[in-house]
Amino acid sequence: MKWLTGRGAAAALAVGLATVWGFGWRGVVLLLAFFVSSSLLSAKTTRNERQVIANGGVAALAALAGSWTAFAGALAAATADTWASEIGRRSRTPPRLITTGQPVPAGTDGGMTVLGTAGGVVGAGFLAGFSVLLPRVMGPGSAHPGWLWAVIAVAGALGMVLDSLLGATLQGKTRWLDNDAVNLLATLAGAALATAGVALHR
């Protein structure tokens, strides 16, 4: 089973090195939790370098900046979106466009199914759970683990929803806003929302 193209592997190595630099083995475990689970769900997909950066680029920058919360939020959004897409493919009912609720063919940008959405929420919770279970010292005044889990899980789920909204409204309208760019923006939203949630708690 080939999960990465040659350039995809090089991009994954860069993301991994940034993660190791920022968070050591804990960051690598969280990164692998996303990558392995998502790859197993999409066993027929071989990711290229653009897809790797779209899903892991924000997390890599967060690791270099030393923000565990942003790192986990970005990966939670990437996990939610990937799980939603792959699990949604198994739905027996057609997806509905997030903006209008109209049935659309499977694979339509912005289309969502109940099964896929539920899978995405579970994916965000799964990644958030890993992020708080790892023995990461957050420092004085850190959020309670249960609260932190909720913040990261919600941030990841909202990133997934933003991905669908952008897919239904803006994706393809300009040359640069393709699926990879939308995924990048969704992970950026996950990182920002998780960071803002923890900041508000403090």
N, C-alpha and C. Protein backbone atom coordinates (compact mmCIF):
# COMPACT_ATOMS: atom_id res chain seq x y z
N MET A 1 0.85 -1.19 0.00
CA MET A 1 0.00 0.00 0.00
C MET A 1 0.89 1.25 0.00
N LYS A 2 0.69 2.11 -0.98
CA LYS A 2 1.50 3.32 -1.08
C LYS A 2 0.66 4.51 -0.65
N TRP A 3 1.02 5.13 0.48
CA TRP A 3 0.26 6.24 1.03
C TRP A 3 0.75 7.59 0.52
N LEU A 4 2.01 7.66 0.05
CA LEU A 4 2.59 8.93 -0.35
C LEU A 4 3.33 8.81 -1.68
N THR A 5 3.27 9.85 -2.50
CA THR A 5 4.13 9.93 -3.67
C THR A 5 5.54 10.28 -3.18
N GLY A 6 6.50 10.30 -4.10
CA GLY A 6 7.86 10.65 -3.71
C GLY A 6 7.95 12.04 -3.11
N ARG A 7 7.34 13.02 -3.78
CA ARG A 7 7.34 14.38 -3.26
C ARG A 7 6.48 14.49 -2.01
N GLY A 8 5.43 13.69 -1.97
CA GLY A 8 4.61 13.67 -0.76
C GLY A 8 5.39 13.19 0.44
N ALA A 9 6.24 12.19 0.22
CA ALA A 9 7.07 11.69 1.31
C ALA A 9 8.06 12.75 1.78
N ALA A 10 8.61 13.52 0.81
CA ALA A 10 9.54 14.59 1.18
C ALA A 10 8.83 15.67 2.00
N ALA A 11 7.61 16.01 1.60
CA ALA A 11 6.83 17.00 2.35
C ALA A 11 6.49 16.47 3.73
N ALA A 12 6.14 15.18 3.81
CA ALA A 12 5.83 14.58 5.11
C ALA A 12 7.05 14.58 6.02
N LEU A 13 8.22 14.35 5.44
CA LEU A 13 9.45 14.39 6.22
C LEU A 13 9.68 15.79 6.79
N ALA A 14 9.43 16.82 5.97
CA ALA A 14 9.59 18.20 6.43
C ALA A 14 8.63 18.51 7.58
N VAL A 15 7.38 18.07 7.42
CA VAL A 15 6.40 18.28 8.49
C VAL A 15 6.82 17.52 9.75
N GLY A 16 7.32 16.31 9.56
CA GLY A 16 7.76 15.51 10.70
C GLY A 16 8.95 16.12 11.42
N LEU A 17 9.91 16.64 10.67
CA LEU A 17 11.08 17.27 11.29
C LEU A 17 10.69 18.51 12.09
N ALA A 18 9.76 19.31 11.52
CA ALA A 18 9.28 20.49 12.24
C ALA A 18 8.58 20.08 13.54
N THR A 19 7.83 18.99 13.46
CA THR A 19 7.12 18.48 14.63
C THR A 19 8.09 17.99 15.70
N VAL A 20 9.10 17.25 15.29
CA VAL A 20 10.11 16.77 16.23
C VAL A 20 10.84 17.94 16.88
N TRP A 21 11.17 18.93 16.08
CA TRP A 21 11.86 20.11 16.60
C TRP A 21 11.01 20.80 17.67
N GLY A 22 9.72 20.92 17.41
CA GLY A 22 8.85 21.64 18.34
C GLY A 22 8.42 20.84 19.55
N PHE A 23 8.06 19.56 19.33
CA PHE A 23 7.43 18.80 20.41
C PHE A 23 8.00 17.42 20.66
N GLY A 24 9.05 17.04 19.95
CA GLY A 24 9.65 15.74 20.20
C GLY A 24 8.70 14.59 19.88
N TRP A 25 8.86 13.51 20.64
CA TRP A 25 8.09 12.30 20.34
C TRP A 25 6.59 12.49 20.53
N ARG A 26 6.19 13.37 21.45
CA ARG A 26 4.77 13.59 21.67
C ARG A 26 4.09 14.14 20.42
N GLY A 27 4.74 15.09 19.79
CA GLY A 27 4.20 15.64 18.55
C GLY A 27 4.14 14.61 17.45
N VAL A 28 5.16 13.77 17.36
CA VAL A 28 5.18 12.74 16.32
C VAL A 28 4.03 11.76 16.52
N VAL A 29 3.76 11.38 17.78
CA VAL A 29 2.65 10.47 18.06
C VAL A 29 1.32 11.08 17.61
N LEU A 30 1.12 12.36 17.91
CA LEU A 30 -0.13 13.01 17.52
C LEU A 30 -0.23 13.12 15.99
N LEU A 31 0.89 13.44 15.35
CA LEU A 31 0.91 13.51 13.89
C LEU A 31 0.59 12.15 13.27
N LEU A 32 1.17 11.10 13.83
CA LEU A 32 0.92 9.75 13.32
C LEU A 32 -0.52 9.33 13.57
N ALA A 33 -1.11 9.79 14.68
CA ALA A 33 -2.51 9.46 14.95
C ALA A 33 -3.40 9.97 13.82
N PHE A 34 -3.10 11.18 13.34
CA PHE A 34 -3.85 11.70 12.19
C PHE A 34 -3.52 10.93 10.93
N PHE A 35 -2.24 10.83 10.62
CA PHE A 35 -1.83 10.29 9.33
C PHE A 35 -2.23 8.82 9.16
N VAL A 36 -1.95 8.00 10.16
CA VAL A 36 -2.24 6.57 10.02
C VAL A 36 -3.74 6.31 9.97
N SER A 37 -4.50 6.94 10.89
CA SER A 37 -5.95 6.71 10.89
C SER A 37 -6.58 7.18 9.58
N SER A 38 -6.16 8.34 9.08
CA SER A 38 -6.72 8.87 7.84
C SER A 38 -6.32 8.02 6.64
N SER A 39 -5.09 7.54 6.64
CA SER A 39 -4.62 6.71 5.53
C SER A 39 -5.32 5.37 5.50
N LEU A 40 -5.60 4.81 6.67
CA LEU A 40 -6.31 3.53 6.72
C LEU A 40 -7.74 3.68 6.20
N LEU A 41 -8.36 4.81 6.48
CA LEU A 41 -9.71 5.04 5.98
C LEU A 41 -9.72 5.27 4.48
N SER A 42 -8.65 5.89 3.97
CA SER A 42 -8.57 6.17 2.53
C SER A 42 -7.44 5.37 1.93
N ALA A 43 -7.55 4.05 2.04
CA ALA A 43 -6.46 3.15 1.65
C ALA A 43 -6.10 3.26 0.17
N LYS A 44 -7.03 3.71 -0.68
CA LYS A 44 -6.75 3.78 -2.11
C LYS A 44 -6.15 5.11 -2.53
N THR A 45 -5.95 6.02 -1.59
CA THR A 45 -5.46 7.34 -1.91
C THR A 45 -3.96 7.44 -1.67
N THR A 46 -3.24 7.98 -2.64
CA THR A 46 -1.82 8.26 -2.50
C THR A 46 -1.66 9.78 -2.45
N ARG A 47 -1.21 10.31 -1.31
CA ARG A 47 -1.14 11.76 -1.14
C ARG A 47 0.12 12.33 -1.80
N ASN A 48 -0.05 13.49 -2.45
CA ASN A 48 1.10 14.20 -3.01
C ASN A 48 1.54 15.30 -2.05
N GLU A 49 2.53 16.08 -2.47
CA GLU A 49 3.10 17.08 -1.56
C GLU A 49 2.11 18.20 -1.22
N ARG A 50 1.26 18.57 -2.16
CA ARG A 50 0.26 19.62 -1.89
C ARG A 50 -0.73 19.16 -0.83
N GLN A 51 -1.15 17.92 -0.92
CA GLN A 51 -2.09 17.40 0.07
C GLN A 51 -1.46 17.28 1.45
N VAL A 52 -0.19 16.90 1.48
CA VAL A 52 0.51 16.81 2.77
C VAL A 52 0.63 18.17 3.42
N ILE A 53 1.02 19.17 2.64
CA ILE A 53 1.15 20.53 3.18
C ILE A 53 -0.21 21.09 3.58
N ALA A 54 -1.23 20.80 2.77
CA ALA A 54 -2.58 21.29 3.07
C ALA A 54 -3.07 20.77 4.41
N ASN A 55 -2.75 19.52 4.72
CA ASN A 55 -3.22 18.92 5.96
C ASN A 55 -2.26 19.09 7.13
N GLY A 56 -0.96 19.19 6.84
CA GLY A 56 0.01 19.24 7.93
C GLY A 56 0.84 20.50 8.02
N GLY A 57 0.71 21.40 7.03
CA GLY A 57 1.55 22.60 7.02
C GLY A 57 1.31 23.52 8.20
N VAL A 58 0.04 23.77 8.53
CA VAL A 58 -0.28 24.64 9.67
C VAL A 58 0.21 24.00 10.96
N ALA A 59 0.02 22.70 11.10
CA ALA A 59 0.49 22.00 12.30
C ALA A 59 2.01 22.12 12.43
N ALA A 60 2.72 22.01 11.31
CA ALA A 60 4.18 22.14 11.34
C ALA A 60 4.59 23.52 11.83
N LEU A 61 3.94 24.56 11.32
CA LEU A 61 4.25 25.93 11.75
C LEU A 61 3.92 26.12 13.23
N ALA A 62 2.81 25.52 13.68
CA ALA A 62 2.45 25.61 15.10
C ALA A 62 3.50 24.92 15.96
N ALA A 63 4.04 23.80 15.48
CA ALA A 63 5.08 23.10 16.23
C ALA A 63 6.33 23.96 16.34
N LEU A 64 6.71 24.59 15.24
CA LEU A 64 7.88 25.47 15.26
C LEU A 64 7.67 26.65 16.20
N ALA A 65 6.41 27.11 16.30
CA ALA A 65 6.09 28.23 17.19
C ALA A 65 5.92 27.79 18.63
N GLY A 66 5.87 26.49 18.86
CA GLY A 66 5.74 25.98 20.23
C GLY A 66 4.33 26.01 20.79
N SER A 67 3.31 26.06 19.92
CA SER A 67 1.92 26.10 20.39
C SER A 67 1.28 24.73 20.24
N TRP A 68 1.22 24.00 21.35
CA TRP A 68 0.61 22.67 21.34
C TRP A 68 -0.88 22.75 20.99
N THR A 69 -1.55 23.76 21.52
CA THR A 69 -2.99 23.91 21.27
C THR A 69 -3.26 24.13 19.78
N ALA A 70 -2.52 25.02 19.15
CA ALA A 70 -2.70 25.27 17.72
C ALA A 70 -2.34 24.03 16.91
N PHE A 71 -1.30 23.35 17.31
CA PHE A 71 -0.86 22.11 16.65
C PHE A 71 -1.98 21.08 16.68
N ALA A 72 -2.56 20.87 17.87
CA ALA A 72 -3.63 19.88 18.01
C ALA A 72 -4.89 20.33 17.29
N GLY A 73 -5.21 21.62 17.34
CA GLY A 73 -6.40 22.12 16.66
C GLY A 73 -6.32 21.94 15.15
N ALA A 74 -5.15 22.20 14.58
CA ALA A 74 -4.97 22.02 13.14
C ALA A 74 -5.13 20.55 12.75
N LEU A 75 -4.53 19.66 13.52
CA LEU A 75 -4.62 18.24 13.20
C LEU A 75 -6.03 17.70 13.45
N ALA A 76 -6.73 18.26 14.45
CA ALA A 76 -8.11 17.85 14.69
C ALA A 76 -9.00 18.21 13.50
N ALA A 77 -8.78 19.40 12.93
CA ALA A 77 -9.56 19.81 11.76
C ALA A 77 -9.24 18.92 10.56
N ALA A 78 -7.95 18.63 10.36
CA ALA A 78 -7.55 17.76 9.25
C ALA A 78 -8.14 16.37 9.41
N THR A 79 -8.12 15.85 10.64
CA THR A 79 -8.68 14.53 10.91
C THR A 79 -10.19 14.52 10.68
N ALA A 80 -10.88 15.53 11.20
CA ALA A 80 -12.33 15.60 11.03
C ALA A 80 -12.72 15.64 9.57
N ASP A 81 -12.03 16.46 8.79
CA ASP A 81 -12.36 16.59 7.37
C ASP A 81 -12.11 15.30 6.61
N THR A 82 -10.97 14.67 6.89
CA THR A 82 -10.63 13.42 6.18
C THR A 82 -11.58 12.30 6.56
N TRP A 83 -11.84 12.14 7.86
CA TRP A 83 -12.77 11.09 8.29
C TRP A 83 -14.16 11.32 7.72
N ALA A 84 -14.60 12.59 7.71
CA ALA A 84 -15.93 12.89 7.18
C ALA A 84 -16.03 12.50 5.71
N SER A 85 -15.00 12.83 4.94
CA SER A 85 -15.02 12.52 3.50
C SER A 85 -15.02 11.02 3.26
N GLU A 86 -14.14 10.32 3.96
CA GLU A 86 -13.99 8.89 3.70
C GLU A 86 -15.16 8.07 4.26
N ILE A 87 -15.63 8.41 5.44
CA ILE A 87 -16.77 7.68 6.02
C ILE A 87 -18.04 8.05 5.28
N GLY A 88 -18.15 9.32 4.85
CA GLY A 88 -19.34 9.75 4.11
C GLY A 88 -19.52 9.01 2.80
N ARG A 89 -18.43 8.52 2.22
CA ARG A 89 -18.54 7.76 0.97
C ARG A 89 -19.35 6.48 1.16
N ARG A 90 -19.43 6.02 2.39
CA ARG A 90 -20.15 4.77 2.67
C ARG A 90 -21.63 5.02 2.97
N SER A 91 -22.05 6.26 2.93
CA SER A 91 -23.44 6.58 3.24
C SER A 91 -24.37 6.05 2.15
N ARG A 92 -25.52 5.52 2.58
CA ARG A 92 -26.52 5.02 1.63
C ARG A 92 -27.44 6.12 1.13
N THR A 93 -27.38 7.26 1.78
CA THR A 93 -28.18 8.41 1.34
C THR A 93 -27.27 9.44 0.69
N PRO A 94 -27.75 10.13 -0.32
CA PRO A 94 -26.89 11.11 -1.02
C PRO A 94 -26.58 12.29 -0.12
N PRO A 95 -25.43 12.93 -0.34
CA PRO A 95 -25.10 14.12 0.45
C PRO A 95 -26.02 15.28 0.10
N ARG A 96 -26.08 16.23 1.02
CA ARG A 96 -26.85 17.45 0.81
C ARG A 96 -25.90 18.63 0.90
N LEU A 97 -26.13 19.61 0.06
CA LEU A 97 -25.28 20.79 0.04
C LEU A 97 -25.46 21.56 1.35
N ILE A 98 -24.36 21.92 1.98
CA ILE A 98 -24.42 22.54 3.29
C ILE A 98 -25.14 23.88 3.27
N THR A 99 -25.13 24.57 2.15
CA THR A 99 -25.72 25.91 2.07
C THR A 99 -27.22 25.90 1.79
N THR A 100 -27.70 24.90 1.08
CA THR A 100 -29.12 24.89 0.67
C THR A 100 -29.88 23.65 1.14
N GLY A 101 -29.16 22.59 1.51
CA GLY A 101 -29.82 21.36 1.91
C GLY A 101 -30.29 20.52 0.74
N GLN A 102 -29.98 20.93 -0.48
CA GLN A 102 -30.40 20.17 -1.66
C GLN A 102 -29.53 18.94 -1.87
N PRO A 103 -30.13 17.80 -2.25
CA PRO A 103 -29.33 16.60 -2.54
C PRO A 103 -28.38 16.87 -3.72
N VAL A 104 -27.17 16.37 -3.60
CA VAL A 104 -26.17 16.53 -4.66
C VAL A 104 -25.46 15.20 -4.87
N PRO A 105 -24.84 15.00 -6.02
CA PRO A 105 -24.11 13.75 -6.25
C PRO A 105 -22.96 13.58 -5.26
N ALA A 106 -22.64 12.35 -4.95
CA ALA A 106 -21.51 12.06 -4.06
C ALA A 106 -20.24 12.67 -4.64
N GLY A 107 -19.43 13.27 -3.77
CA GLY A 107 -18.19 13.90 -4.19
C GLY A 107 -18.32 15.37 -4.52
N THR A 108 -19.53 15.91 -4.47
CA THR A 108 -19.73 17.33 -4.75
C THR A 108 -19.12 18.17 -3.63
N ASP A 109 -18.39 19.21 -4.00
CA ASP A 109 -17.80 20.10 -3.00
C ASP A 109 -18.91 20.74 -2.18
N GLY A 110 -18.77 20.68 -0.86
CA GLY A 110 -19.77 21.26 0.02
C GLY A 110 -20.91 20.32 0.38
N GLY A 111 -20.90 19.10 -0.18
CA GLY A 111 -21.93 18.12 0.16
C GLY A 111 -21.59 17.40 1.47
N MET A 112 -22.60 17.20 2.30
CA MET A 112 -22.39 16.54 3.58
C MET A 112 -23.46 15.47 3.80
N THR A 113 -23.07 14.39 4.46
CA THR A 113 -24.02 13.37 4.87
C THR A 113 -24.03 13.29 6.39
N VAL A 114 -25.11 12.74 6.93
CA VAL A 114 -25.18 12.58 8.39
C VAL A 114 -24.07 11.63 8.85
N LEU A 115 -23.89 10.53 8.09
CA LEU A 115 -22.86 9.56 8.46
C LEU A 115 -21.48 10.18 8.42
N GLY A 116 -21.18 10.92 7.34
CA GLY A 116 -19.88 11.54 7.21
C GLY A 116 -19.63 12.60 8.28
N THR A 117 -20.64 13.41 8.55
CA THR A 117 -20.50 14.45 9.57
C THR A 117 -20.26 13.83 10.93
N ALA A 118 -21.01 12.78 11.26
CA ALA A 118 -20.80 12.09 12.53
C ALA A 118 -19.38 11.51 12.60
N GLY A 119 -18.92 10.95 11.48
CA GLY A 119 -17.56 10.42 11.43
C GLY A 119 -16.53 11.50 11.64
N GLY A 120 -16.77 12.68 11.06
CA GLY A 120 -15.84 13.79 11.25
C GLY A 120 -15.79 14.26 12.69
N VAL A 121 -16.94 14.33 13.34
CA VAL A 121 -16.98 14.74 14.75
C VAL A 121 -16.23 13.72 15.61
N VAL A 122 -16.42 12.44 15.32
CA VAL A 122 -15.69 11.40 16.05
C VAL A 122 -14.19 11.53 15.80
N GLY A 123 -13.81 11.83 14.55
CA GLY A 123 -12.40 12.01 14.24
C GLY A 123 -11.78 13.16 15.01
N ALA A 124 -12.50 14.29 15.10
CA ALA A 124 -12.01 15.43 15.87
C ALA A 124 -11.85 15.06 17.34
N GLY A 125 -12.83 14.33 17.87
CA GLY A 125 -12.75 13.91 19.26
C GLY A 125 -11.61 12.93 19.51
N PHE A 126 -11.41 12.04 18.55
CA PHE A 126 -10.31 11.07 18.64
C PHE A 126 -8.96 11.78 18.73
N LEU A 127 -8.73 12.72 17.82
CA LEU A 127 -7.45 13.44 17.80
C LEU A 127 -7.30 14.30 19.04
N ALA A 128 -8.39 14.96 19.46
CA ALA A 128 -8.34 15.78 20.67
C ALA A 128 -8.02 14.93 21.89
N GLY A 129 -8.58 13.71 21.93
CA GLY A 129 -8.29 12.82 23.04
C GLY A 129 -6.83 12.47 23.13
N PHE A 130 -6.23 12.16 21.99
CA PHE A 130 -4.80 11.88 21.97
C PHE A 130 -4.01 13.09 22.46
N SER A 131 -4.43 14.28 22.07
CA SER A 131 -3.66 15.49 22.39
C SER A 131 -3.62 15.77 23.89
N VAL A 132 -4.67 15.38 24.62
CA VAL A 132 -4.68 15.64 26.07
C VAL A 132 -4.19 14.44 26.87
N LEU A 133 -4.21 13.25 26.27
CA LEU A 133 -3.71 12.07 26.97
C LEU A 133 -2.20 11.98 26.95
N LEU A 134 -1.59 12.54 25.92
CA LEU A 134 -0.13 12.56 25.88
C LEU A 134 0.40 13.37 27.05
N PRO A 135 1.46 12.92 27.68
CA PRO A 135 1.99 13.61 28.88
C PRO A 135 2.68 14.92 28.52
N ARG A 136 1.89 15.83 28.03
CA ARG A 136 2.42 17.13 27.63
C ARG A 136 2.21 18.13 28.77
N VAL A 137 3.27 18.76 29.24
CA VAL A 137 3.16 19.76 30.30
C VAL A 137 2.80 21.10 29.66
N MET A 138 1.60 21.58 29.97
CA MET A 138 1.11 22.80 29.35
C MET A 138 1.53 24.06 30.11
N GLY A 139 1.98 23.89 31.34
CA GLY A 139 2.42 25.06 32.10
C GLY A 139 1.37 25.56 33.06
N PRO A 140 1.73 26.48 33.97
CA PRO A 140 0.79 27.02 34.95
C PRO A 140 -0.40 27.70 34.27
N GLY A 141 -1.56 27.50 34.85
CA GLY A 141 -2.76 28.14 34.33
C GLY A 141 -3.35 27.46 33.12
N SER A 142 -2.86 26.26 32.79
CA SER A 142 -3.39 25.56 31.63
C SER A 142 -4.83 25.11 31.87
N ALA A 143 -5.54 24.91 30.78
CA ALA A 143 -6.91 24.45 30.88
C ALA A 143 -6.95 23.03 31.43
N HIS A 144 -8.03 22.70 32.14
CA HIS A 144 -8.25 21.33 32.59
C HIS A 144 -8.30 20.41 31.37
N PRO A 145 -7.75 19.19 31.49
CA PRO A 145 -7.72 18.30 30.32
C PRO A 145 -9.08 18.08 29.67
N GLY A 146 -10.13 17.95 30.49
CA GLY A 146 -11.46 17.77 29.92
C GLY A 146 -11.91 18.97 29.11
N TRP A 147 -11.65 20.14 29.64
CA TRP A 147 -11.98 21.37 28.93
C TRP A 147 -11.15 21.50 27.65
N LEU A 148 -9.88 21.19 27.77
CA LEU A 148 -9.00 21.28 26.61
C LEU A 148 -9.44 20.32 25.52
N TRP A 149 -9.83 19.11 25.92
CA TRP A 149 -10.32 18.14 24.94
C TRP A 149 -11.52 18.71 24.19
N ALA A 150 -12.47 19.29 24.93
CA ALA A 150 -13.67 19.84 24.31
C ALA A 150 -13.33 20.98 23.34
N VAL A 151 -12.41 21.85 23.75
CA VAL A 151 -12.03 22.99 22.92
C VAL A 151 -11.42 22.50 21.60
N ILE A 152 -10.49 21.56 21.70
CA ILE A 152 -9.81 21.07 20.49
C ILE A 152 -10.77 20.29 19.60
N ALA A 153 -11.63 19.48 20.21
CA ALA A 153 -12.60 18.71 19.42
C ALA A 153 -13.57 19.62 18.69
N VAL A 154 -14.08 20.64 19.38
CA VAL A 154 -15.01 21.57 18.74
C VAL A 154 -14.31 22.37 17.64
N ALA A 155 -13.07 22.79 17.91
CA ALA A 155 -12.30 23.52 16.90
C ALA A 155 -12.11 22.67 15.65
N GLY A 156 -11.79 21.40 15.84
CA GLY A 156 -11.62 20.50 14.70
C GLY A 156 -12.91 20.31 13.92
N ALA A 157 -14.03 20.12 14.64
CA ALA A 157 -15.32 19.94 13.97
C ALA A 157 -15.73 21.20 13.20
N LEU A 158 -15.48 22.37 13.80
CA LEU A 158 -15.81 23.62 13.11
C LEU A 158 -14.92 23.83 11.88
N GLY A 159 -13.68 23.40 11.97
CA GLY A 159 -12.81 23.45 10.79
C GLY A 159 -13.37 22.61 9.66
N MET A 160 -13.91 21.44 10.01
CA MET A 160 -14.55 20.58 9.00
C MET A 160 -15.74 21.28 8.35
N VAL A 161 -16.57 21.93 9.18
CA VAL A 161 -17.74 22.64 8.65
C VAL A 161 -17.30 23.79 7.73
N LEU A 162 -16.27 24.52 8.14
CA LEU A 162 -15.75 25.60 7.29
C LEU A 162 -15.28 25.05 5.96
N ASP A 163 -14.63 23.91 5.98
CA ASP A 163 -14.17 23.28 4.73
C ASP A 163 -15.34 23.07 3.78
N SER A 164 -16.46 22.56 4.32
CA SER A 164 -17.63 22.32 3.47
C SER A 164 -18.25 23.63 2.99
N LEU A 165 -18.29 24.63 3.86
CA LEU A 165 -18.84 25.93 3.46
C LEU A 165 -18.02 26.56 2.33
N LEU A 166 -16.72 26.52 2.48
CA LEU A 166 -15.85 27.06 1.43
C LEU A 166 -15.99 26.25 0.15
N GLY A 167 -16.12 24.93 0.31
CA GLY A 167 -16.29 24.08 -0.86
C GLY A 167 -17.56 24.40 -1.63
N ALA A 168 -18.62 24.74 -0.88
CA ALA A 168 -19.90 25.01 -1.52
C ALA A 168 -19.99 26.41 -2.10
N THR A 169 -19.19 27.34 -1.59
CA THR A 169 -19.36 28.74 -1.97
C THR A 169 -18.22 29.32 -2.80
N LEU A 170 -16.98 29.04 -2.41
CA LEU A 170 -15.84 29.71 -3.04
C LEU A 170 -14.90 28.80 -3.81
N GLN A 171 -14.86 27.53 -3.44
CA GLN A 171 -13.91 26.64 -4.10
C GLN A 171 -14.17 26.56 -5.60
N GLY A 172 -13.11 26.74 -6.36
CA GLY A 172 -13.21 26.70 -7.81
C GLY A 172 -13.58 28.02 -8.46
N LYS A 173 -13.95 29.00 -7.65
CA LYS A 173 -14.31 30.30 -8.20
C LYS A 173 -13.08 31.09 -8.63
N THR A 174 -11.96 30.82 -7.96
CA THR A 174 -10.68 31.41 -8.36
C THR A 174 -9.67 30.28 -8.55
N ARG A 175 -8.64 30.54 -9.33
CA ARG A 175 -7.70 29.50 -9.71
C ARG A 175 -6.96 28.91 -8.51
N TRP A 176 -6.66 29.76 -7.52
CA TRP A 176 -5.84 29.29 -6.41
C TRP A 176 -6.65 28.60 -5.33
N LEU A 177 -7.97 28.82 -5.30
CA LEU A 177 -8.77 28.25 -4.21
C LEU A 177 -9.30 26.88 -4.62
N ASP A 178 -8.39 25.91 -4.64
CA ASP A 178 -8.78 24.54 -4.96
C ASP A 178 -8.98 23.76 -3.66
N ASN A 179 -9.15 22.47 -3.77
CA ASN A 179 -9.43 21.64 -2.60
C ASN A 179 -8.30 21.69 -1.58
N ASP A 180 -7.05 21.71 -2.05
CA ASP A 180 -5.92 21.76 -1.12
C ASP A 180 -5.89 23.08 -0.36
N ALA A 181 -6.18 24.19 -1.05
CA ALA A 181 -6.21 25.49 -0.38
C ALA A 181 -7.32 25.54 0.65
N VAL A 182 -8.47 24.96 0.33
CA VAL A 182 -9.58 24.92 1.28
C VAL A 182 -9.20 24.10 2.51
N ASN A 183 -8.55 22.97 2.29
CA ASN A 183 -8.09 22.14 3.42
C ASN A 183 -7.12 22.91 4.30
N LEU A 184 -6.22 23.67 3.67
CA LEU A 184 -5.26 24.47 4.43
C LEU A 184 -5.98 25.50 5.29
N LEU A 185 -6.97 26.17 4.72
CA LEU A 185 -7.73 27.17 5.47
C LEU A 185 -8.51 26.53 6.61
N ALA A 186 -9.01 25.32 6.40
CA ALA A 186 -9.76 24.63 7.45
C ALA A 186 -8.84 24.28 8.63
N THR A 187 -7.62 23.83 8.33
CA THR A 187 -6.70 23.52 9.42
C THR A 187 -6.24 24.80 10.13
N LEU A 188 -6.11 25.88 9.38
CA LEU A 188 -5.77 27.16 9.99
C LEU A 188 -6.89 27.60 10.94
N ALA A 189 -8.13 27.40 10.52
CA ALA A 189 -9.26 27.73 11.38
C ALA A 189 -9.26 26.87 12.64
N GLY A 190 -8.97 25.57 12.48
CA GLY A 190 -8.91 24.70 13.64
C GLY A 190 -7.86 25.15 14.64
N ALA A 191 -6.69 25.54 14.13
CA ALA A 191 -5.62 26.03 15.01
C ALA A 191 -6.03 27.32 15.71
N ALA A 192 -6.61 28.25 14.95
CA ALA A 192 -6.99 29.55 15.51
C ALA A 192 -8.11 29.41 16.54
N LEU A 193 -9.11 28.58 16.24
CA LEU A 193 -10.23 28.41 17.16
C LEU A 193 -9.81 27.72 18.45
N ALA A 194 -8.93 26.72 18.35
CA ALA A 194 -8.44 26.05 19.56
C ALA A 194 -7.65 27.02 20.42
N THR A 195 -6.80 27.81 19.79
CA THR A 195 -6.00 28.79 20.53
C THR A 195 -6.89 29.83 21.20
N ALA A 196 -7.89 30.31 20.46
CA ALA A 196 -8.80 31.32 21.02
C ALA A 196 -9.61 30.73 22.17
N GLY A 197 -10.03 29.48 22.05
CA GLY A 197 -10.81 28.84 23.11
C GLY A 197 -10.03 28.73 24.40
N VAL A 198 -8.77 28.32 24.30
CA VAL A 198 -7.94 28.20 25.49
C VAL A 198 -7.64 29.58 26.07
N ALA A 199 -7.39 30.56 25.20
CA ALA A 199 -7.12 31.92 25.67
C ALA A 199 -8.31 32.48 26.43
N LEU A 200 -9.53 32.22 25.98
CA LEU A 200 -10.71 32.70 26.67
C LEU A 200 -10.86 32.03 28.04
N HIS A 201 -10.48 30.77 28.12
CA HIS A 201 -10.57 30.04 29.39
C HIS A 201 -9.65 30.67 30.44
N ARG A 202 -8.50 31.14 29.97
CA ARG A 202 -7.53 31.72 30.90
C ARG A 202 -7.94 33.15 31.31
